């Protein structure tokens, strides 16, 4: 069975996650150091960096969703079977009527 997600898509997602991790680490270091922005307000600085981080994560999420959407378009039957199987197992795991 062919891998439904291409290696280049996985590499791009992995690189995006690594950049996010570095950005988050840099933001946390900035917060820990107590650095103030030009206006002298730490809360504004943290808010700005959090908004930037959220924007980056949203873009990465869109890219991932597009990659998954393309995979579903390319292999709809396989995708349907995978979704059905996952749903079946999740329903069995969460079934409380044993």
PDB file of N, CA and C in Angstrom:
ATOM      1  N   UNK A   1       0.837  -1.176   0.000  1.00  0.00           N
ATOM      2  CA  UNK A   1       0.000   0.000   0.000  1.00  0.00           C
ATOM      3  C   UNK A   1       0.882   1.239   0.000  1.00  0.00           C
ATOM      4  N   UNK A   2       0.595   2.158  -0.859  1.00  0.00           N
ATOM      5  CA  UNK A   2       1.390   3.376  -0.998  1.00  0.00           C
ATOM      6  C   UNK A   2       1.103   4.327   0.156  1.00  0.00           C
ATOM      7  N   UNK A   3       2.140   5.000   0.650  1.00  0.00           N
ATOM      8  CA  UNK A   3       1.983   5.971   1.721  1.00  0.00           C
ATOM      9  C   UNK A   3       1.157   7.148   1.213  1.00  0.00           C
ATOM     10  N   UNK A   4      -0.012   7.436   1.835  1.00  0.00           N
ATOM     11  CA  UNK A   4      -0.903   8.466   1.311  1.00  0.00           C
ATOM     12  C   UNK A   4      -0.364   9.884   1.464  1.00  0.00           C
ATOM     13  N   UNK A   5       0.530  10.129   2.398  1.00  0.00           N
ATOM     14  CA  UNK A   5       1.107  11.456   2.567  1.00  0.00           C
ATOM     15  C   UNK A   5       2.532  11.418   2.032  1.00  0.00           C
ATOM     16  N   UNK A   6       2.830  12.362   1.145  1.00  0.00           N
ATOM     17  CA  UNK A   6       4.141  12.378   0.506  1.00  0.00           C
ATOM     18  C   UNK A   6       5.218  12.795   1.493  1.00  0.00           C
ATOM     19  N   UNK A   7       6.432  12.300   1.255  1.00  0.00           N
ATOM     20  CA  UNK A   7       7.571  12.612   2.114  1.00  0.00           C
ATOM     21  C   UNK A   7       7.818  14.116   2.142  1.00  0.00           C
ATOM     22  N   UNK A   8       7.653  14.792   1.005  1.00  0.00           N
ATOM     23  CA  UNK A   8       7.884  16.234   0.989  1.00  0.00           C
ATOM     24  C   UNK A   8       6.893  16.964   1.895  1.00  0.00           C
ATOM     25  N   UNK A   9       5.645  16.473   1.961  1.00  0.00           N
ATOM     26  CA  UNK A   9       4.653  17.074   2.860  1.00  0.00           C
ATOM     27  C   UNK A   9       5.067  16.866   4.310  1.00  0.00           C
ATOM     28  N   UNK A  10       5.512  15.660   4.632  1.00  0.00           N
ATOM     29  CA  UNK A  10       5.957  15.383   5.996  1.00  0.00           C
ATOM     30  C   UNK A  10       7.183  16.209   6.363  1.00  0.00           C
ATOM     31  N   UNK A  11       8.103  16.360   5.425  1.00  0.00           N
ATOM     32  CA  UNK A  11       9.292  17.169   5.677  1.00  0.00           C
ATOM     33  C   UNK A  11       8.907  18.622   5.935  1.00  0.00           C
ATOM     34  N   UNK A  12       7.963  19.137   5.163  1.00  0.00           N
ATOM     35  CA  UNK A  12       7.518  20.522   5.340  1.00  0.00           C
ATOM     36  C   UNK A  12       6.842  20.692   6.694  1.00  0.00           C
ATOM     37  N   UNK A  13       6.012  19.739   7.078  1.00  0.00           N
ATOM     38  CA  UNK A  13       5.334  19.811   8.375  1.00  0.00           C
ATOM     39  C   UNK A  13       6.345  19.722   9.507  1.00  0.00           C
ATOM     40  N   UNK A  14       7.316  18.825   9.371  1.00  0.00           N
ATOM     41  CA  UNK A  14       8.355  18.684  10.393  1.00  0.00           C
ATOM     42  C   UNK A  14       9.160  19.974  10.534  1.00  0.00           C
ATOM     43  N   UNK A  15       9.516  20.578   9.425  1.00  0.00           N
ATOM     44  CA  UNK A  15      10.268  21.839   9.466  1.00  0.00           C
ATOM     45  C   UNK A  15       9.428  22.941  10.100  1.00  0.00           C
ATOM     46  N   UNK A  16       8.149  22.991   9.782  1.00  0.00           N
ATOM     47  CA  UNK A  16       7.260  23.993  10.370  1.00  0.00           C
ATOM     48  C   UNK A  16       7.168  23.823  11.883  1.00  0.00           C
ATOM     49  N   UNK A  17       7.034  22.590  12.329  1.00  0.00           N
ATOM     50  CA  UNK A  17       6.944  22.323  13.765  1.00  0.00           C
ATOM     51  C   UNK A  17       8.247  22.723  14.462  1.00  0.00           C
ATOM     52  N   UNK A  18       9.374  22.455  13.830  1.00  0.00           N
ATOM     53  CA  UNK A  18      10.663  22.826  14.418  1.00  0.00           C
ATOM     54  C   UNK A  18      10.779  24.345  14.530  1.00  0.00           C
ATOM     55  N   UNK A  19      10.348  25.070  13.492  1.00  0.00           N
ATOM     56  CA  UNK A  19      10.371  26.539  13.560  1.00  0.00           C
ATOM     57  C   UNK A  19       9.453  27.052  14.669  1.00  0.00           C
ATOM     58  N   UNK A  20       8.289  26.440  14.809  1.00  0.00           N
ATOM     59  CA  UNK A  20       7.368  26.832  15.872  1.00  0.00           C
ATOM     60  C   UNK A  20       7.990  26.591  17.247  1.00  0.00           C
ATOM     61  N   UNK A  21       8.653  25.441  17.388  1.00  0.00           N
ATOM     62  CA  UNK A  21       9.299  25.136  18.663  1.00  0.00           C
ATOM     63  C   UNK A  21      10.354  26.181  19.001  1.00  0.00           C
ATOM     64  N   UNK A  22      11.159  26.565  18.016  1.00  0.00           N
ATOM     65  CA  UNK A  22      12.192  27.578  18.231  1.00  0.00           C
ATOM     66  C   UNK A  22      11.567  28.930  18.557  1.00  0.00           C
ATOM     67  N   UNK A  23      10.501  29.300  17.832  1.00  0.00           N
ATOM     68  CA  UNK A  23       9.821  30.563  18.103  1.00  0.00           C
ATOM     69  C   UNK A  23       9.228  30.574  19.509  1.00  0.00           C
ATOM     70  N   UNK A  24       8.627  29.461  19.898  1.00  0.00           N
ATOM     71  CA  UNK A  24       8.037  29.371  21.230  1.00  0.00           C
ATOM     72  C   UNK A  24       9.123  29.459  22.296  1.00  0.00           C
ATOM     73  N   UNK A  25      10.236  28.778  22.094  1.00  0.00           N
ATOM     74  CA  UNK A  25      11.346  28.827  23.042  1.00  0.00           C
ATOM     75  C   UNK A  25      11.866  30.253  23.180  1.00  0.00           C
ATOM     76  N   UNK A  26      12.025  30.933  22.045  1.00  0.00           N
ATOM     77  CA  UNK A  26      12.501  32.318  22.067  1.00  0.00           C
ATOM     78  C   UNK A  26      11.511  33.217  22.819  1.00  0.00           C
ATOM     79  N   UNK A  27      10.230  33.002  22.593  1.00  0.00           N
ATOM     80  CA  UNK A  27       9.214  33.796  23.282  1.00  0.00           C
ATOM     81  C   UNK A  27       9.264  33.557  24.785  1.00  0.00           C
ATOM     82  N   UNK A  28       9.388  32.301  25.185  1.00  0.00           N
ATOM     83  CA  UNK A  28       9.439  31.992  26.612  1.00  0.00           C
ATOM     84  C   UNK A  28      10.698  32.561  27.266  1.00  0.00           C
ATOM     85  N   UNK A  29      11.818  32.546  26.561  1.00  0.00           N
ATOM     86  CA  UNK A  29      13.035  33.144  27.096  1.00  0.00           C
ATOM     87  C   UNK A  29      12.848  34.642  27.275  1.00  0.00           C
ATOM     88  N   UNK A  30      12.166  35.241  26.315  1.00  0.00           N
ATOM     89  CA  UNK A  30      11.892  36.679  26.389  1.00  0.00           C
ATOM     90  C   UNK A  30      11.025  36.990  27.609  1.00  0.00           C
ATOM     91  N   UNK A  31      10.014  36.168  27.830  1.00  0.00           N
ATOM     92  CA  UNK A  31       9.129  36.378  28.978  1.00  0.00           C
ATOM     93  C   UNK A  31       9.894  36.168  30.276  1.00  0.00           C
ATOM     94  N   UNK A  32      10.694  35.115  30.361  1.00  0.00           N
ATOM     95  CA  UNK A  32      11.444  34.817  31.574  1.00  0.00           C
ATOM     96  C   UNK A  32      12.447  35.909  31.908  1.00  0.00           C
ATOM     97  N   UNK A  33      13.036  36.506  30.904  1.00  0.00           N
ATOM     98  CA  UNK A  33      14.038  37.536  31.158  1.00  0.00           C
ATOM     99  C   UNK A  33      13.402  38.830  31.645  1.00  0.00           C
ATOM    100  N   UNK A  34      12.087  38.932  31.502  1.00  0.00           N
ATOM    101  CA  UNK A  34      11.411  40.144  31.951  1.00  0.00           C
ATOM    102  C   UNK A  34      11.670  41.325  31.041  1.00  0.00           C
ATOM    103  N   UNK A  35      12.087  41.028  29.806  1.00  0.00           N
ATOM    104  CA  UNK A  35      12.384  42.109  28.873  1.00  0.00           C
ATOM    105  C   UNK A  35      11.126  42.908  28.593  1.00  0.00           C
ATOM    106  N   UNK A  36      11.285  44.207  28.497  1.00  0.00           N
ATOM    107  CA  UNK A  36      10.171  45.095  28.232  1.00  0.00           C
ATOM    108  C   UNK A  36      10.255  45.607  26.808  1.00  0.00           C
ATOM    109  N   UNK A  37       9.096  45.808  26.195  1.00  0.00           N
ATOM    110  CA  UNK A  37       9.121  46.391  24.855  1.00  0.00           C
ATOM    111  C   UNK A  37       9.376  47.896  24.963  1.00  0.00           C
ATOM    112  N   UNK A  38       9.415  48.581  23.849  1.00  0.00           N
ATOM    113  CA  UNK A  38       9.760  50.008  23.825  1.00  0.00           C
ATOM    114  C   UNK A  38       8.829  50.832  24.697  1.00  0.00           C
ATOM    115  N   UNK A  39       7.574  50.446  24.817  1.00  0.00           N
ATOM    116  CA  UNK A  39       6.623  51.181  25.648  1.00  0.00           C
ATOM    117  C   UNK A  39       6.755  50.856  27.116  1.00  0.00           C
ATOM    118  N   UNK A  40       7.576  49.876  27.449  1.00  0.00           N
ATOM    119  CA  UNK A  40       7.787  49.508  28.837  1.00  0.00           C
ATOM    120  C   UNK A  40       6.697  48.625  29.402  1.00  0.00           C
ATOM    121  N   UNK A  41       5.922  47.974  28.552  1.00  0.00           N
ATOM    122  CA  UNK A  41       4.823  47.164  29.053  1.00  0.00           C
ATOM    123  C   UNK A  41       5.032  45.705  28.657  1.00  0.00           C
ATOM    124  N   UNK A  42       5.348  44.881  29.637  1.00  0.00           N
ATOM    125  CA  UNK A  42       5.622  43.472  29.390  1.00  0.00           C
ATOM    126  C   UNK A  42       4.397  42.753  28.835  1.00  0.00           C
ATOM    127  N   UNK A  43       3.227  43.110  29.320  1.00  0.00           N
ATOM    128  CA  UNK A  43       2.010  42.440  28.856  1.00  0.00           C
ATOM    129  C   UNK A  43       1.797  42.666  27.361  1.00  0.00           C
ATOM    130  N   UNK A  44       2.048  43.871  26.881  1.00  0.00           N
ATOM    131  CA  UNK A  44       1.903  44.150  25.453  1.00  0.00           C
ATOM    132  C   UNK A  44       2.906  43.337  24.644  1.00  0.00           C
ATOM    133  N   UNK A  45       4.129  43.220  25.153  1.00  0.00           N
ATOM    134  CA  UNK A  45       5.162  42.457  24.461  1.00  0.00           C
ATOM    135  C   UNK A  45       4.774  40.991  24.347  1.00  0.00           C
ATOM    136  N   UNK A  46       4.296  40.420  25.447  1.00  0.00           N
ATOM    137  CA  UNK A  46       3.894  39.017  25.452  1.00  0.00           C
ATOM    138  C   UNK A  46       2.697  38.821  24.519  1.00  0.00           C
ATOM    139  N   UNK A  47       1.744  39.738  24.558  1.00  0.00           N
ATOM    140  CA  UNK A  47       0.563  39.651  23.702  1.00  0.00           C
ATOM    141  C   UNK A  47       0.957  39.684  22.236  1.00  0.00           C
ATOM    142  N   UNK A  48       1.870  40.578  21.874  1.00  0.00           N
ATOM    143  CA  UNK A  48       2.325  40.668  20.489  1.00  0.00           C
ATOM    144  C   UNK A  48       3.002  39.376  20.045  1.00  0.00           C
ATOM    145  N   UNK A  49       3.860  38.836  20.886  1.00  0.00           N
ATOM    146  CA  UNK A  49       4.558  37.603  20.525  1.00  0.00           C
ATOM    147  C   UNK A  49       3.598  36.423  20.479  1.00  0.00           C
ATOM    148  N   UNK A  50       2.624  36.396  21.373  1.00  0.00           N
ATOM    149  CA  UNK A  50       1.629  35.324  21.349  1.00  0.00           C
ATOM    150  C   UNK A  50       0.796  35.406  20.073  1.00  0.00           C
ATOM    151  N   UNK A  51       0.442  36.631  19.656  1.00  0.00           N
ATOM    152  CA  UNK A  51      -0.326  36.796  18.419  1.00  0.00           C
ATOM    153  C   UNK A  51       0.487  36.339  17.217  1.00  0.00           C
ATOM    154  N   UNK A  52       1.775  36.644  17.220  1.00  0.00           N
ATOM    155  CA  UNK A  52       2.651  36.207  16.123  1.00  0.00           C
ATOM    156  C   UNK A  52       2.748  34.680  16.096  1.00  0.00           C
ATOM    157  N   UNK A  53       2.912  34.078  17.261  1.00  0.00           N
ATOM    158  CA  UNK A  53       2.995  32.627  17.356  1.00  0.00           C
ATOM    159  C   UNK A  53       1.688  31.984  16.900  1.00  0.00           C
ATOM    160  N   UNK A  54       0.560  32.569  17.294  1.00  0.00           N
ATOM    161  CA  UNK A  54      -0.740  32.051  16.864  1.00  0.00           C
ATOM    162  C   UNK A  54      -0.859  32.130  15.344  1.00  0.00           C
ATOM    163  N   UNK A  55      -0.422  33.238  14.761  1.00  0.00           N
ATOM    164  CA  UNK A  55      -0.477  33.388  13.306  1.00  0.00           C
ATOM    165  C   UNK A  55       0.349  32.322  12.601  1.00  0.00           C
ATOM    166  N   UNK A  56       1.539  32.054  13.127  1.00  0.00           N
ATOM    167  CA  UNK A  56       2.392  31.016  12.545  1.00  0.00           C
ATOM    168  C   UNK A  56       1.728  29.644  12.644  1.00  0.00           C
ATOM    169  N   UNK A  57       1.148  29.360  13.791  1.00  0.00           N
ATOM    170  CA  UNK A  57       0.504  28.065  13.977  1.00  0.00           C
ATOM    171  C   UNK A  57      -0.707  27.926  13.050  1.00  0.00           C
ATOM    172  N   UNK A  58      -1.438  29.002  12.858  1.00  0.00           N
ATOM    173  CA  UNK A  58      -2.599  28.963  11.962  1.00  0.00           C
ATOM    174  C   UNK A  58      -2.162  28.667  10.534  1.00  0.00           C
ATOM    175  N   UNK A  59      -1.075  29.301  10.090  1.00  0.00           N
ATOM    176  CA  UNK A  59      -0.570  29.044   8.740  1.00  0.00           C
ATOM    177  C   UNK A  59      -0.131  27.593   8.591  1.00  0.00           C
ATOM    178  N   UNK A  60       0.547  27.071   9.597  1.00  0.00           N
ATOM    179  CA  UNK A  60       1.007  25.680   9.535  1.00  0.00           C
ATOM    180  C   UNK A  60      -0.184  24.732   9.534  1.00  0.00           C
ATOM    181  N   UNK A  61      -1.204  25.061  10.308  1.00  0.00           N
ATOM    182  CA  UNK A  61      -2.408  24.240  10.326  1.00  0.00           C
ATOM    183  C   UNK A  61      -3.099  24.229   8.973  1.00  0.00           C
ATOM    184  N   UNK A  62      -3.155  25.381   8.321  1.00  0.00           N
ATOM    185  CA  UNK A  62      -3.743  25.452   6.986  1.00  0.00           C
ATOM    186  C   UNK A  62      -2.965  24.587   6.003  1.00  0.00           C
ATOM    187  N   UNK A  63      -1.645  24.656   6.080  1.00  0.00           N
ATOM    188  CA  UNK A  63      -0.806  23.863   5.183  1.00  0.00           C
ATOM    189  C   UNK A  63      -1.046  22.372   5.401  1.00  0.00           C
ATOM    190  N   UNK A  64      -1.134  21.979   6.677  1.00  0.00           N
ATOM    191  CA  UNK A  64      -1.382  20.577   6.995  1.00  0.00           C
ATOM    192  C   UNK A  64      -2.757  20.149   6.494  1.00  0.00           C
ATOM    193  N   UNK A  65      -3.762  20.999   6.693  1.00  0.00           N
ATOM    194  CA  UNK A  65      -5.116  20.682   6.230  1.00  0.00           C
ATOM    195  C   UNK A  65      -5.158  20.538   4.714  1.00  0.00           C
ATOM    196  N   UNK A  66      -4.435  21.389   4.009  1.00  0.00           N
ATOM    197  CA  UNK A  66      -4.386  21.284   2.550  1.00  0.00           C
ATOM    198  C   UNK A  66      -3.726  19.971   2.119  1.00  0.00           C
ATOM    199  N   UNK A  67      -2.652  19.588   2.819  1.00  0.00           N
ATOM    200  CA  UNK A  67      -1.966  18.340   2.481  1.00  0.00           C
ATOM    201  C   UNK A  67      -2.889  17.142   2.707  1.00  0.00           C
ATOM    202  N   UNK A  68      -3.620  17.175   3.806  1.00  0.00           N
ATOM    203  CA  UNK A  68      -4.550  16.081   4.083  1.00  0.00           C
ATOM    204  C   UNK A  68      -5.688  16.091   3.075  1.00  0.00           C
ATOM    205  N   UNK A  69      -6.189  17.284   2.737  1.00  0.00           N
ATOM    206  CA  UNK A  69      -7.248  17.393   1.737  1.00  0.00           C
ATOM    207  C   UNK A  69      -6.818  16.845   0.399  1.00  0.00           C
ATOM    208  N   UNK A  70      -5.581  17.132   0.000  1.00  0.00           N
ATOM    209  CA  UNK A  70      -5.064  16.622  -1.266  1.00  0.00           C
ATOM    210  C   UNK A  70      -4.976  15.101  -1.223  1.00  0.00           C
ATOM    211  N   UNK A  71      -4.530  14.561  -0.098  1.00  0.00           N
ATOM    212  CA  UNK A  71      -4.437  13.114   0.039  1.00  0.00           C
ATOM    213  C   UNK A  71      -5.815  12.488  -0.083  1.00  0.00           C
ATOM    214  N   UNK A  72      -6.832  13.124   0.510  1.00  0.00           N
ATOM    215  CA  UNK A  72      -8.194  12.606   0.428  1.00  0.00           C
ATOM    216  C   UNK A  72      -8.699  12.664  -1.011  1.00  0.00           C
ATOM    217  N   UNK A  73      -8.384  13.756  -1.720  1.00  0.00           N
ATOM    218  CA  UNK A  73      -8.772  13.858  -3.131  1.00  0.00           C
ATOM    219  C   UNK A  73      -8.097  12.786  -3.974  1.00  0.00           C
ATOM    220  N   UNK A  74      -6.813  12.557  -3.709  1.00  0.00           N
ATOM    221  CA  UNK A  74      -6.050  11.592  -4.497  1.00  0.00           C
ATOM    222  C   UNK A  74      -6.472  10.149  -4.222  1.00  0.00           C
ATOM    223  N   UNK A  75      -6.841   9.861  -2.977  1.00  0.00           N
ATOM    224  CA  UNK A  75      -7.191   8.490  -2.598  1.00  0.00           C
ATOM    225  C   UNK A  75      -8.444   8.486  -1.720  1.00  0.00           C
ATOM    226  N   UNK A  76      -9.606   8.773  -2.307  1.00  0.00           N
ATOM    227  CA  UNK A  76     -10.812   8.890  -1.484  1.00  0.00           C
ATOM    228  C   UNK A  76     -11.245   7.580  -0.823  1.00  0.00           C
ATOM    229  N   UNK A  77     -11.114   6.461  -1.504  1.00  0.00           N
ATOM    230  CA  UNK A  77     -11.546   5.181  -0.929  1.00  0.00           C
ATOM    231  C   UNK A  77     -10.657   4.809   0.255  1.00  0.00           C
ATOM    232  N   UNK A  78      -9.359   4.928   0.076  1.00  0.00           N
ATOM    233  CA  UNK A  78      -8.421   4.626   1.158  1.00  0.00           C
ATOM    234  C   UNK A  78      -8.679   5.533   2.348  1.00  0.00           C
ATOM    235  N   UNK A  79      -8.881   6.817   2.081  1.00  0.00           N
ATOM    236  CA  UNK A  79      -9.135   7.773   3.162  1.00  0.00           C
ATOM    237  C   UNK A  79     -10.421   7.431   3.904  1.00  0.00           C
ATOM    238  N   UNK A  80     -11.446   7.060   3.165  1.00  0.00           N
ATOM    239  CA  UNK A  80     -12.717   6.682   3.775  1.00  0.00           C
ATOM    240  C   UNK A  80     -12.549   5.448   4.655  1.00  0.00           C
ATOM    241  N   UNK A  81     -11.817   4.455   4.161  1.00  0.00           N
ATOM    242  CA  UNK A  81     -11.587   3.240   4.948  1.00  0.00           C
ATOM    243  C   UNK A  81     -10.797   3.531   6.215  1.00  0.00           C
ATOM    244  N   UNK A  82      -9.793   4.398   6.108  1.00  0.00           N
ATOM    245  CA  UNK A  82      -8.996   4.770   7.282  1.00  0.00           C
ATOM    246  C   UNK A  82      -9.880   5.490   8.299  1.00  0.00           C
ATOM    247  N   UNK A  83     -10.692   6.448   7.833  1.00  0.00           N
ATOM    248  CA  UNK A  83     -11.571   7.192   8.731  1.00  0.00           C
ATOM    249  C   UNK A  83     -12.593   6.258   9.394  1.00  0.00           C
ATOM    250  N   UNK A  84     -13.162   5.352   8.619  1.00  0.00           N
ATOM    251  CA  UNK A  84     -14.135   4.404   9.165  1.00  0.00           C
ATOM    252  C   UNK A  84     -13.482   3.523  10.224  1.00  0.00           C
ATOM    253  N   UNK A  85     -12.308   3.004   9.916  1.00  0.00           N
ATOM    254  CA  UNK A  85     -11.601   2.128  10.856  1.00  0.00           C
ATOM    255  C   UNK A  85     -11.261   2.872  12.143  1.00  0.00           C
ATOM    256  N   UNK A  86     -10.743   4.092  12.003  1.00  0.00           N
ATOM    257  CA  UNK A  86     -10.403   4.891  13.188  1.00  0.00           C
ATOM    258  C   UNK A  86     -11.661   5.160  14.017  1.00  0.00           C
ATOM    259  N   UNK A  87     -12.748   5.526  13.363  1.00  0.00           N
ATOM    260  CA  UNK A  87     -13.999   5.777  14.073  1.00  0.00           C
ATOM    261  C   UNK A  87     -14.511   4.538  14.787  1.00  0.00           C
ATOM    262  N   UNK A  88     -14.392   3.406  14.126  1.00  0.00           N
ATOM    263  CA  UNK A  88     -14.831   2.149  14.722  1.00  0.00           C
ATOM    264  C   UNK A  88     -14.048   1.856  16.004  1.00  0.00           C
ATOM    265  N   UNK A  89     -12.715   1.975  15.925  1.00  0.00           N
ATOM    266  CA  UNK A  89     -11.900   1.675  17.099  1.00  0.00           C
ATOM    267  C   UNK A  89     -12.116   2.688  18.211  1.00  0.00           C
ATOM    268  N   UNK A  90     -12.274   3.933  17.863  1.00  0.00           N
ATOM    269  CA  UNK A  90     -12.535   4.953  18.888  1.00  0.00           C
ATOM    270  C   UNK A  90     -13.874   4.684  19.565  1.00  0.00           C
ATOM    271  N   UNK A  91     -14.884   4.311  18.773  1.00  0.00           N
ATOM    272  CA  UNK A  91     -16.196   4.009  19.372  1.00  0.00           C
ATOM    273  C   UNK A  91     -16.111   2.790  20.282  1.00  0.00           C
ATOM    274  N   UNK A  92     -15.310   1.812  19.910  1.00  0.00           N
ATOM    275  CA  UNK A  92     -15.145   0.622  20.751  1.00  0.00           C
ATOM    276  C   UNK A  92     -14.415   0.963  22.047  1.00  0.00           C
ATOM    277  N   UNK A  93     -13.443   1.857  21.959  1.00  0.00           N
ATOM    278  CA  UNK A  93     -12.688   2.243  23.154  1.00  0.00           C
ATOM    279  C   UNK A  93     -13.530   3.086  24.106  1.00  0.00           C
ATOM    280  N   UNK A  94     -14.423   3.879  23.551  1.00  0.00           N
ATOM    281  CA  UNK A  94     -15.225   4.771  24.400  1.00  0.00           C
ATOM    282  C   UNK A  94     -16.575   4.172  24.778  1.00  0.00           C
ATOM    283  N   UNK A  95     -16.884   2.987  24.291  1.00  0.00           N
ATOM    284  CA  UNK A  95     -18.143   2.337  24.614  1.00  0.00           C
ATOM    285  C   UNK A  95     -18.145   1.932  26.085  1.00  0.00           C
ATOM    286  N   UNK A  96     -19.119   2.399  26.814  1.00  0.00           N
ATOM    287  CA  UNK A  96     -19.162   2.136  28.264  1.00  0.00           C
ATOM    288  C   UNK A  96     -20.180   1.053  28.627  1.00  0.00           C
ATOM    289  N   UNK A  97     -20.726   0.371  27.655  1.00  0.00           N
ATOM    290  CA  UNK A  97     -21.767  -0.628  27.914  1.00  0.00           C
ATOM    291  C   UNK A  97     -21.198  -2.045  27.927  1.00  0.00           C
ATOM    292  N   UNK A  98     -20.058  -2.243  28.513  1.00  0.00           N
ATOM    293  CA  UNK A  98     -19.429  -3.583  28.556  1.00  0.00           C
ATOM    294  C   UNK A  98     -20.012  -4.406  29.644  1.00  0.00           C
TER     295      UNK A  98
END
